[in-house]
PDB file of N, CA and C in Angstrom:
ATOM      1  N   MET A   1     289.075 -57.562-147.723  1.00  0.00           N
ATOM      2  CA  MET A   1     288.093 -57.844-147.834  1.00  0.00           C
ATOM      3  C   MET A   1     287.490 -58.489-148.757  1.00  0.00           C
ATOM      4  N   LYS A   2     287.454 -58.380-150.015  1.00  0.00           N
ATOM      5  CA  LYS A   2     287.570 -59.669-150.976  1.00  0.00           C
ATOM      6  C   LYS A   2     287.327 -61.102-150.590  1.00  0.00           C
ATOM      7  N   ARG A   3     288.461 -61.091-149.722  1.00  0.00           N
ATOM      8  CA  ARG A   3     288.461 -63.031-149.210  1.00  0.00           C
ATOM      9  C   ARG A   3     287.692 -63.287-148.549  1.00  0.00           C
ATOM     10  N   THR A   4     287.406 -62.605-147.299  1.00  0.00           N
ATOM     11  CA  THR A   4     285.673 -62.042-146.214  1.00  0.00           C
ATOM     12  C   THR A   4     284.962 -62.750-146.754  1.00  0.00           C
ATOM     13  N   ILE A   5     284.673 -62.021-148.374  1.00  0.00           N
ATOM     14  CA  ILE A   5     283.269 -61.883-148.950  1.00  0.00           C
ATOM     15  C   ILE A   5     283.206 -63.564-149.005  1.00  0.00           C
ATOM     16  N   THR A   6     284.194 -63.535-150.248  1.00  0.00           N
ATOM     17  CA  THR A   6     284.636 -65.234-150.964  1.00  0.00           C
ATOM     18  C   THR A   6     284.472 -66.579-149.764  1.00  0.00           C
ATOM     19  N   ALA A   7     284.727 -66.146-149.013  1.00  0.00           N
ATOM     20  CA  ALA A   7     285.279 -67.471-147.935  1.00  0.00           C
ATOM     21  C   ALA A   7     284.282 -67.430-147.091  1.00  0.00           C
ATOM     22  N   LEU A   8     282.975 -66.376-146.890  1.00  0.00           N
ATOM     23  CA  LEU A   8     281.756 -66.408-146.307  1.00  0.00           C
ATOM     24  C   LEU A   8     280.497 -66.980-147.421  1.00  0.00           C
ATOM     25  N   ALA A   9     280.180 -66.613-148.398  1.00  0.00           N
ATOM     26  CA  ALA A   9     280.213 -67.532-149.870  1.00  0.00           C
ATOM     27  C   ALA A   9     280.200 -68.629-149.872  1.00  0.00           C
ATOM     28  N   ILE A  10     281.115 -69.531-149.914  1.00  0.00           N
ATOM     29  CA  ILE A  10     281.708 -70.733-150.068  1.00  0.00           C
ATOM     30  C   ILE A  10     280.964 -71.653-149.107  1.00  0.00           C
ATOM     31  N   LEU A  11     281.311 -70.922-147.424  1.00  0.00           N
ATOM     32  CA  LEU A  11     280.451 -71.741-146.376  1.00  0.00           C
ATOM     33  C   LEU A  11     279.578 -71.397-146.215  1.00  0.00           C
ATOM     34  N   ILE A  12     278.500 -70.810-146.556  1.00  0.00           N
ATOM     35  CA  ILE A  12     277.155 -70.505-147.215  1.00  0.00           C
ATOM     36  C   ILE A  12     277.255 -72.171-147.903  1.00  0.00           C
ATOM     37  N   ALA A  13     277.342 -72.039-148.856  1.00  0.00           N
ATOM     38  CA  ALA A  13     277.367 -72.775-150.345  1.00  0.00           C
ATOM     39  C   ALA A  13     276.927 -74.313-149.271  1.00  0.00           C
ATOM     40  N   ALA A  14     278.308 -74.213-148.731  1.00  0.00           N
ATOM     41  CA  ALA A  14     278.599 -75.520-148.489  1.00  0.00           C
ATOM     42  C   ALA A  14     277.806 -76.471-147.255  1.00  0.00           C
ATOM     43  N   THR A  15     276.955 -75.289-146.816  1.00  0.00           N
ATOM     44  CA  THR A  15     276.295 -75.724-145.902  1.00  0.00           C
ATOM     45  C   THR A  15     274.707 -76.032-146.672  1.00  0.00           C
ATOM     46  N   ILE A  16     274.284 -75.583-147.737  1.00  0.00           N
ATOM     47  CA  ILE A  16     272.831 -75.906-148.313  1.00  0.00           C
ATOM     48  C   ILE A  16     272.805 -77.485-148.321  1.00  0.00           C
ATOM     49  N   PRO A  17     274.172 -78.301-149.309  1.00  0.00           N
ATOM     50  CA  PRO A  17     273.086 -79.576-149.298  1.00  0.00           C
ATOM     51  C   PRO A  17     273.175 -80.410-147.827  1.00  0.00           C
ATOM     52  N   ILE A  18     274.403 -80.025-146.911  1.00  0.00           N
ATOM     53  CA  ILE A  18     274.022 -81.011-145.718  1.00  0.00           C
ATOM     54  C   ILE A  18     272.607 -80.518-145.427  1.00  0.00           C
ATOM     55  N   ALA A  19     272.096 -79.693-145.097  1.00  0.00           N
ATOM     56  CA  ALA A  19     270.659 -79.682-144.452  1.00  0.00           C
ATOM     57  C   ALA A  19     269.426 -80.111-145.414  1.00  0.00           C
ATOM     58  N   GLY A  20     269.802 -80.493-146.915  1.00  0.00           N
ATOM     59  CA  GLY A  20     269.340 -81.120-147.533  1.00  0.00           C
ATOM     60  C   GLY A  20     268.933 -82.204-147.006  1.00  0.00           C
ATOM     61  N   GLN A  21     270.235 -82.552-147.080  1.00  0.00           N
ATOM     62  CA  GLN A  21     270.420 -84.591-147.279  1.00  0.00           C
ATOM     63  C   GLN A  21     270.155 -84.828-145.964  1.00  0.00           C
ATOM     64  N   SER A  22     270.280 -83.771-144.666  1.00  0.00           N
ATOM     65  CA  SER A  22     269.243 -84.275-143.310  1.00  0.00           C
ATOM     66  C   SER A  22     267.776 -83.910-143.229  1.00  0.00           C
ATOM     67  N   LYS A  23     267.006 -83.427-144.206  1.00  0.00           N
ATOM     68  CA  LYS A  23     264.936 -84.054-144.672  1.00  0.00           C
ATOM     69  C   LYS A  23     265.214 -85.081-145.519  1.00  0.00           C
ATOM     70  N   ASP A  24     266.138 -85.908-146.055  1.00  0.00           N
ATOM     71  CA  ASP A  24     266.006 -86.644-146.961  1.00  0.00           C
ATOM     72  C   ASP A  24     266.204 -87.642-145.975  1.00  0.00           C
ATOM     73  N   GLU A  25     267.394 -87.359-145.231  1.00  0.00           N
ATOM     74  CA  GLU A  25     267.425 -89.262-144.140  1.00  0.00           C
ATOM     75  C   GLU A  25     266.226 -89.204-143.414  1.00  0.00           C
ATOM     76  N   GLN A  26     265.861 -87.768-143.030  1.00  0.00           N
ATOM     77  CA  GLN A  26     264.242 -87.711-141.833  1.00  0.00           C
ATOM     78  C   GLN A  26     263.209 -88.314-142.594  1.00  0.00           C
ATOM     79  N   ALA A  27     263.144 -88.078-143.896  1.00  0.00           N
ATOM     80  CA  ALA A  27     261.791 -88.344-144.432  1.00  0.00           C
ATOM     81  C   ALA A  27     262.441 -90.189-144.807  1.00  0.00           C
ATOM     82  N   ILE A  28     263.173 -90.654-145.310  1.00  0.00           N
ATOM     83  CA  ILE A  28     263.277 -91.999-144.938  1.00  0.00           C
ATOM     84  C   ILE A  28     263.334 -92.900-143.989  1.00  0.00           C
ATOM     85  N   ARG A  29     263.991 -92.411-142.774  1.00  0.00           N
ATOM     86  CA  ARG A  29     263.706 -92.713-141.679  1.00  0.00           C
ATOM     87  C   ARG A  29     262.450 -93.010-141.475  1.00  0.00           C
ATOM     88  N   GLN A  30     261.340 -91.735-141.204  1.00  0.00           N
ATOM     89  CA  GLN A  30     260.078 -91.853-141.454  1.00  0.00           C
ATOM     90  C   GLN A  30     259.686 -92.502-141.780  1.00  0.00           C
ATOM     91  N   TYR A  31     259.411 -93.011-143.366  1.00  0.00           N
ATOM     92  CA  TYR A  31     259.026 -94.259-144.219  1.00  0.00           C
ATOM     93  C   TYR A  31     259.071 -95.109-143.634  1.00  0.00           C
ATOM     94  N   PHE A  32     259.979 -95.458-142.488  1.00  0.00           N
ATOM     95  CA  PHE A  32     260.599 -96.969-142.258  1.00  0.00           C
ATOM     96  C   PHE A  32     260.200 -97.215-140.662  1.00  0.00           C
ATOM     97  N   ASN A  33     259.879 -96.771-140.640  1.00  0.00           N
ATOM     98  CA  ASN A  33     259.692 -96.105-139.095  1.00  0.00           C
ATOM     99  C   ASN A  33     258.175 -96.188-139.666  1.00  0.00           C
ATOM    100  N   GLU A  34     257.354 -95.868-140.508  1.00  0.00           N
ATOM    101  CA  GLU A  34     255.744 -95.667-140.501  1.00  0.00           C
ATOM    102  C   GLU A  34     255.761 -97.367-141.196  1.00  0.00           C
ATOM    103  N   LEU A  35     256.433 -97.928-141.530  1.00  0.00           N
ATOM    104  CA  LEU A  35     255.967 -99.360-142.210  1.00  0.00           C
ATOM    105  C   LEU A  35     256.485-100.905-141.389  1.00  0.00           C
ATOM    106  N   ASP A  36     257.522-100.052-140.215  1.00  0.00           N
ATOM    107  CA  ASP A  36     257.625-101.255-138.995  1.00  0.00           C
ATOM    108  C   ASP A  36     256.348-101.079-138.464  1.00  0.00           C
ATOM    109  N   ALA A  37     255.686 -99.883-138.210  1.00  0.00           N
ATOM    110  CA  ALA A  37     254.824-100.028-137.378  1.00  0.00           C
ATOM    111  C   ALA A  37     253.200-100.379-138.130  1.00  0.00           C
ATOM    112  N   MET A  38     252.940-100.141-139.648  1.00  0.00           N
ATOM    113  CA  MET A  38     252.432-101.350-140.088  1.00  0.00           C
ATOM    114  C   MET A  38     252.472-102.692-139.995  1.00  0.00           C
ATOM    115  N   LEU A  39     253.304-103.150-140.365  1.00  0.00           N
ATOM    116  CA  LEU A  39     254.064-104.513-140.129  1.00  0.00           C
ATOM    117  C   LEU A  39     253.137-105.326-138.350  1.00  0.00           C
ATOM    118  N   VAL A  40     252.792-104.479-137.678  1.00  0.00           N
ATOM    119  CA  VAL A  40     252.619-105.401-136.785  1.00  0.00           C
ATOM    120  C   VAL A  40     251.303-105.015-136.620  1.00  0.00           C
ATOM    121  N   THR A  41     250.490-103.737-137.361  1.00  0.00           N
ATOM    122  CA  THR A  41     249.106-103.268-137.412  1.00  0.00           C
ATOM    123  C   THR A  41     248.185-104.273-138.354  1.00  0.00           C
ATOM    124  N   ASP A  42     249.266-104.034-140.206  1.00  0.00           N
ATOM    125  CA  ASP A  42     248.353-104.733-140.499  1.00  0.00           C
ATOM    126  C   ASP A  42     249.615-105.189-142.003  1.00  0.00           C
ATOM    127  N   GLU A  43     250.032-106.613-141.516  1.00  0.00           N
ATOM    128  CA  GLU A  43     251.823-106.643-142.366  1.00  0.00           C
ATOM    129  C   GLU A  43     250.934-107.286-143.379  1.00  0.00           C
ATOM    130  N   ALA A  44     249.956-107.873-144.238  1.00  0.00           N
ATOM    131  CA  ALA A  44     249.535-107.641-145.379  1.00  0.00           C
ATOM    132  C   ALA A  44     249.452-106.380-146.502  1.00  0.00           C
ATOM    133  N   GLY A  45     248.918-105.583-145.466  1.00  0.00           N
ATOM    134  CA  GLY A  45     248.958-103.985-146.122  1.00  0.00           C
ATOM    135  C   GLY A  45     250.406-103.724-146.034  1.00  0.00           C
ATOM    136  N   ALA A  46     251.608-104.523-145.095  1.00  0.00           N
ATOM    137  CA  ALA A  46     252.944-103.677-145.187  1.00  0.00           C
ATOM    138  C   ALA A  46     253.680-104.528-146.183  1.00  0.00           C
ATOM    139  N   VAL A  47     253.116-105.464-146.830  1.00  0.00           N
ATOM    140  CA  VAL A  47     253.528-106.531-147.032  1.00  0.00           C
ATOM    141  C   VAL A  47     253.502-106.074-149.229  1.00  0.00           C
ATOM    142  N   GLU A  48     252.299-105.312-149.162  1.00  0.00           N
ATOM    143  CA  GLU A  48     251.930-104.962-150.430  1.00  0.00           C
ATOM    144  C   GLU A  48     252.731-103.523-150.547  1.00  0.00           C
ATOM    145  N   THR A  49     252.967-102.914-149.261  1.00  0.00           N
ATOM    146  CA  THR A  49     253.563-101.231-149.801  1.00  0.00           C
ATOM    147  C   THR A  49     255.297-101.610-150.321  1.00  0.00           C
ATOM    148  N   LEU A  50     255.718-102.679-149.343  1.00  0.00           N
ATOM    149  CA  LEU A  50     256.610-102.387-149.288  1.00  0.00           C
ATOM    150  C   LEU A  50     257.494-103.367-151.133  1.00  0.00           C
ATOM    151  N   PHE A  51     257.068-103.916-151.526  1.00  0.00           N
ATOM    152  CA  PHE A  51     257.124-105.382-152.265  1.00  0.00           C
ATOM    153  C   PHE A  51     256.754-104.608-154.230  1.00  0.00           C
ATOM    154  N   ALA A  52     258.162-104.984-154.875  1.00  0.00           N
ATOM    155  CA  ALA A  52     257.217-104.529-156.007  1.00  0.00           C
ATOM    156  C   ALA A  52     256.307-105.338-156.683  1.00  0.00           C
ATOM    157  N   ASP A  53     255.408-105.288-157.609  1.00  0.00           N
ATOM    158  CA  ASP A  53     254.359-105.737-158.058  1.00  0.00           C
ATOM    159  C   ASP A  53     254.719-106.683-159.656  1.00  0.00           C
ATOM    160  N   ASP A  54     256.061-106.741-159.617  1.00  0.00           N
ATOM    161  CA  ASP A  54     256.796-108.119-160.682  1.00  0.00           C
ATOM    162  C   ASP A  54     258.072-109.015-159.809  1.00  0.00           C
ATOM    163  N   LEU A  55     257.197-108.678-157.883  1.00  0.00           N
ATOM    164  CA  LEU A  55     258.089-109.141-157.396  1.00  0.00           C
ATOM    165  C   LEU A  55     258.483-111.269-157.897  1.00  0.00           C
ATOM    166  N   ILE A  56     259.664-111.641-157.978  1.00  0.00           N
ATOM    167  CA  ILE A  56     259.512-113.399-157.349  1.00  0.00           C
ATOM    168  C   ILE A  56     260.614-113.496-157.108  1.00  0.00           C
ATOM    169  N   PHE A  57     259.875-113.996-155.718  1.00  0.00           N
ATOM    170  CA  PHE A  57     261.028-114.392-154.800  1.00  0.00           C
ATOM    171  C   PHE A  57     261.129-116.014-154.715  1.00  0.00           C
ATOM    172  N   VAL A  58     262.156-116.225-154.604  1.00  0.00           N
ATOM    173  CA  VAL A  58     263.135-117.557-154.567  1.00  0.00           C
ATOM    174  C   VAL A  58     263.650-118.058-152.768  1.00  0.00           C
ATOM    175  N   GLY A  59     263.105-118.693-152.858  1.00  0.00           N
ATOM    176  CA  GLY A  59     263.502-119.209-151.458  1.00  0.00           C
ATOM    177  C   GLY A  59     264.734-120.014-151.157  1.00  0.00           C
ATOM    178  N   ILE A  60     264.949-120.724-150.019  1.00  0.00           N
ATOM    179  CA  ILE A  60     266.807-120.845-150.022  1.00  0.00           C
ATOM    180  C   ILE A  60     266.538-122.441-150.780  1.00  0.00           C
ATOM    181  N   ASN A  61     265.343-123.171-150.403  1.00  0.00           N
ATOM    182  CA  ASN A  61     265.278-124.595-151.097  1.00  0.00           C
ATOM    183  C   ASN A  61     264.359-124.149-152.520  1.00  0.00           C
ATOM    184  N   GLY A  62     264.541-123.285-153.317  1.00  0.00           N
ATOM    185  CA  GLY A  62     264.436-122.985-154.839  1.00  0.00           C
ATOM    186  C   GLY A  62     262.982-122.596-155.069  1.00  0.00           C
ATOM    187  N   ASP A  63     262.069-122.751-153.583  1.00  0.00           N
ATOM    188  CA  ASP A  63     260.751-122.565-153.891  1.00  0.00           C
ATOM    189  C   ASP A  63     260.483-120.875-154.567  1.00  0.00           C
ATOM    190  N   LYS A  64     259.900-120.699-155.780  1.00  0.00           N
ATOM    191  CA  LYS A  64     259.126-119.316-156.479  1.00  0.00           C
ATOM    192  C   LYS A  64     257.816-119.042-155.624  1.00  0.00           C
ATOM    193  N   ASN A  65     257.586-117.803-155.932  1.00  0.00           N
ATOM    194  CA  ASN A  65     256.556-116.673-155.313  1.00  0.00           C
ATOM    195  C   ASN A  65     256.400-115.745-155.721  1.00  0.00           C
ATOM    196  N   ASN A  66     255.208-115.569-155.408  1.00  0.00           N
ATOM    197  CA  ASN A  66     255.059-113.490-156.425  1.00  0.00           C
ATOM    198  C   ASN A  66     253.917-112.790-154.686  1.00  0.00           C
ATOM    199  N   LYS A  67     254.573-111.699-155.081  1.00  0.00           N
ATOM    200  CA  LYS A  67     253.088-110.867-154.418  1.00  0.00           C
ATOM    201  C   LYS A  67     252.616-110.991-153.984  1.00  0.00           C
ATOM    202  N   ALA A  68     251.609-111.979-154.535  1.00  0.00           N
ATOM    203  CA  ALA A  68     250.146-112.198-154.039  1.00  0.00           C
ATOM    204  C   ALA A  68     250.121-113.053-153.043  1.00  0.00           C
ATOM    205  N   ASP A  69     251.279-114.486-153.109  1.00  0.00           N
ATOM    206  CA  ASP A  69     252.020-115.328-152.926  1.00  0.00           C
ATOM    207  C   ASP A  69     252.415-114.834-151.935  1.00  0.00           C
ATOM    208  N   ARG A  70     252.972-113.657-151.296  1.00  0.00           N
ATOM    209  CA  ARG A  70     253.064-113.441-150.167  1.00  0.00           C
ATOM    210  C   ARG A  70     251.954-112.634-149.231  1.00  0.00           C
ATOM    211  N   ILE A  71     251.702-111.966-150.081  1.00  0.00           N
ATOM    212  CA  ILE A  71     250.649-111.368-149.236  1.00  0.00           C
ATOM    213  C   ILE A  71     249.985-112.496-148.560  1.00  0.00           C
ATOM    214  N   ASN A  72     249.287-113.361-149.190  1.00  0.00           N
ATOM    215  CA  ASN A  72     248.255-114.110-148.374  1.00  0.00           C
ATOM    216  C   ASN A  72     248.630-115.234-147.777  1.00  0.00           C
ATOM    217  N   ALA A  73     250.027-115.206-147.824  1.00  0.00           N
ATOM    218  CA  ALA A  73     250.822-116.232-146.638  1.00  0.00           C
ATOM    219  C   ALA A  73     251.371-115.166-145.258  1.00  0.00           C
ATOM    220  N   ALA A  74     250.952-113.834-145.958  1.00  0.00           N
ATOM    221  CA  ALA A  74     251.095-112.500-144.425  1.00  0.00           C
ATOM    222  C   ALA A  74     249.462-112.635-143.753  1.00  0.00           C
ATOM    223  N   LYS A  75     248.519-112.649-144.642  1.00  0.00           N
ATOM    224  CA  LYS A  75     247.248-112.415-144.217  1.00  0.00           C
ATOM    225  C   LYS A  75     246.944-113.903-143.474  1.00  0.00           C
ATOM    226  N   ASN A  76     247.165-115.876-143.902  1.00  0.00           N
ATOM    227  CA  ASN A  76     246.825-116.997-143.320  1.00  0.00           C
ATOM    228  C   ASN A  76     248.108-117.056-142.063  1.00  0.00           C
ATOM    229  N   GLY A  77     249.237-116.273-142.300  1.00  0.00           N
ATOM    230  CA  GLY A  77     250.001-116.403-140.943  1.00  0.00           C
ATOM    231  C   GLY A  77     250.739-117.005-141.335  1.00  0.00           C
ATOM    232  N   THR A  78     251.313-118.081-142.153  1.00  0.00           N
ATOM    233  CA  THR A  78     251.933-119.246-142.388  1.00  0.00           C
ATOM    234  C   THR A  78     253.593-118.159-142.938  1.00  0.00           C
ATOM    235  N   TRP A  79     253.906-116.848-142.915  1.00  0.00           N
ATOM    236  CA  TRP A  79     255.326-116.139-142.879  1.00  0.00           C
ATOM    237  C   TRP A  79     254.731-114.821-142.646  1.00  0.00           C
ATOM    238  N   SER A  80     255.766-114.483-142.136  1.00  0.00           N
ATOM    239  CA  SER A  80     255.825-113.533-141.148  1.00  0.00           C
ATOM    240  C   SER A  80     257.164-112.610-141.361  1.00  0.00           C
ATOM    241  N   PHE A  81     257.687-110.940-141.286  1.00  0.00           N
ATOM    242  CA  PHE A  81     258.581-110.237-141.447  1.00  0.00           C
ATOM    243  C   PHE A  81     258.372-109.957-139.959  1.00  0.00           C
ATOM    244  N   VAL A  82     259.652-110.262-139.804  1.00  0.00           N
ATOM    245  CA  VAL A  82     260.287-109.311-138.740  1.00  0.00           C
ATOM    246  C   VAL A  82     259.980-108.093-138.255  1.00  0.00           C
ATOM    247  N   SER A  83     261.088-107.204-139.173  1.00  0.00           N
ATOM    248  CA  SER A  83     261.268-105.506-139.125  1.00  0.00           C
ATOM    249  C   SER A  83     262.317-105.119-140.278  1.00  0.00           C
ATOM    250  N   VAL A  84     261.259-104.161-140.658  1.00  0.00           N
ATOM    251  CA  VAL A  84     262.389-103.224-141.535  1.00  0.00           C
ATOM    252  C   VAL A  84     263.014-102.740-140.948  1.00  0.00           C
ATOM    253  N   ASN A  85     263.431-102.252-139.831  1.00  0.00           N
ATOM    254  CA  ASN A  85     264.275-101.545-139.197  1.00  0.00           C
ATOM    255  C   ASN A  85     265.115-102.608-138.892  1.00  0.00           C
ATOM    256  N   ALA A  86     265.103-103.800-138.650  1.00  0.00           N
ATOM    257  CA  ALA A  86     266.459-104.604-137.946  1.00  0.00           C
ATOM    258  C   ALA A  86     266.811-104.881-139.015  1.00  0.00           C
ATOM    259  N   ILE A  87     266.253-105.204-140.738  1.00  0.00           N
ATOM    260  CA  ILE A  87     266.538-105.767-141.873  1.00  0.00           C
ATOM    261  C   ILE A  87     267.748-104.707-141.977  1.00  0.00           C
ATOM    262  N   LEU A  88     267.413-103.231-142.350  1.00  0.00           N
ATOM    263  CA  LEU A  88     268.353-101.934-142.163  1.00  0.00           C
ATOM    264  C   LEU A  88     269.176-101.968-141.324  1.00  0.00           C
ATOM    265  N   LYS A  89     269.647-102.333-139.848  1.00  0.00           N
ATOM    266  CA  LYS A  89     270.479-102.690-139.003  1.00  0.00           C
ATOM    267  C   LYS A  89     271.508-103.852-139.606  1.00  0.00           C
ATOM    268  N   ALA A  90     270.740-104.847-140.192  1.00  0.00           N
ATOM    269  CA  ALA A  90     271.693-105.755-140.433  1.00  0.00           C
ATOM    270  C   ALA A  90     272.858-105.802-141.287  1.00  0.00           C
ATOM    271  N   PHE A  91     272.615-104.721-142.618  1.00  0.00           N
ATOM    272  CA  PHE A  91     273.508-104.339-143.663  1.00  0.00           C
ATOM    273  C   PHE A  91     273.819-102.778-143.121  1.00  0.00           C
ATOM    274  N   ALA A  92     273.518-102.209-142.020  1.00  0.00           N
ATOM    275  CA  ALA A  92     274.048-100.972-141.573  1.00  0.00           C
ATOM    276  C   ALA A  92     276.140-101.350-141.901  1.00  0.00           C
TER     277      ALA A  92
END
């Protein structure tokens, strides 16, 4: 009887972290889906949300720019983000 209770307690304890991970994963996926939708409707706002304030971006040719430069480029259409989800899939 004690073995059954112990086994049941271990089984219940083992399922608790899995449920927590599932909720966290869902929240992260929802955030990136919302960010992808924002990229379509307000790319500059998405860039502002996505990038850190102290961002320094160095391009392949050595050009450097910061968050404000990226936001301005998104506003005037000289730079475009494809998709956060596409980027995540590339690294998966």
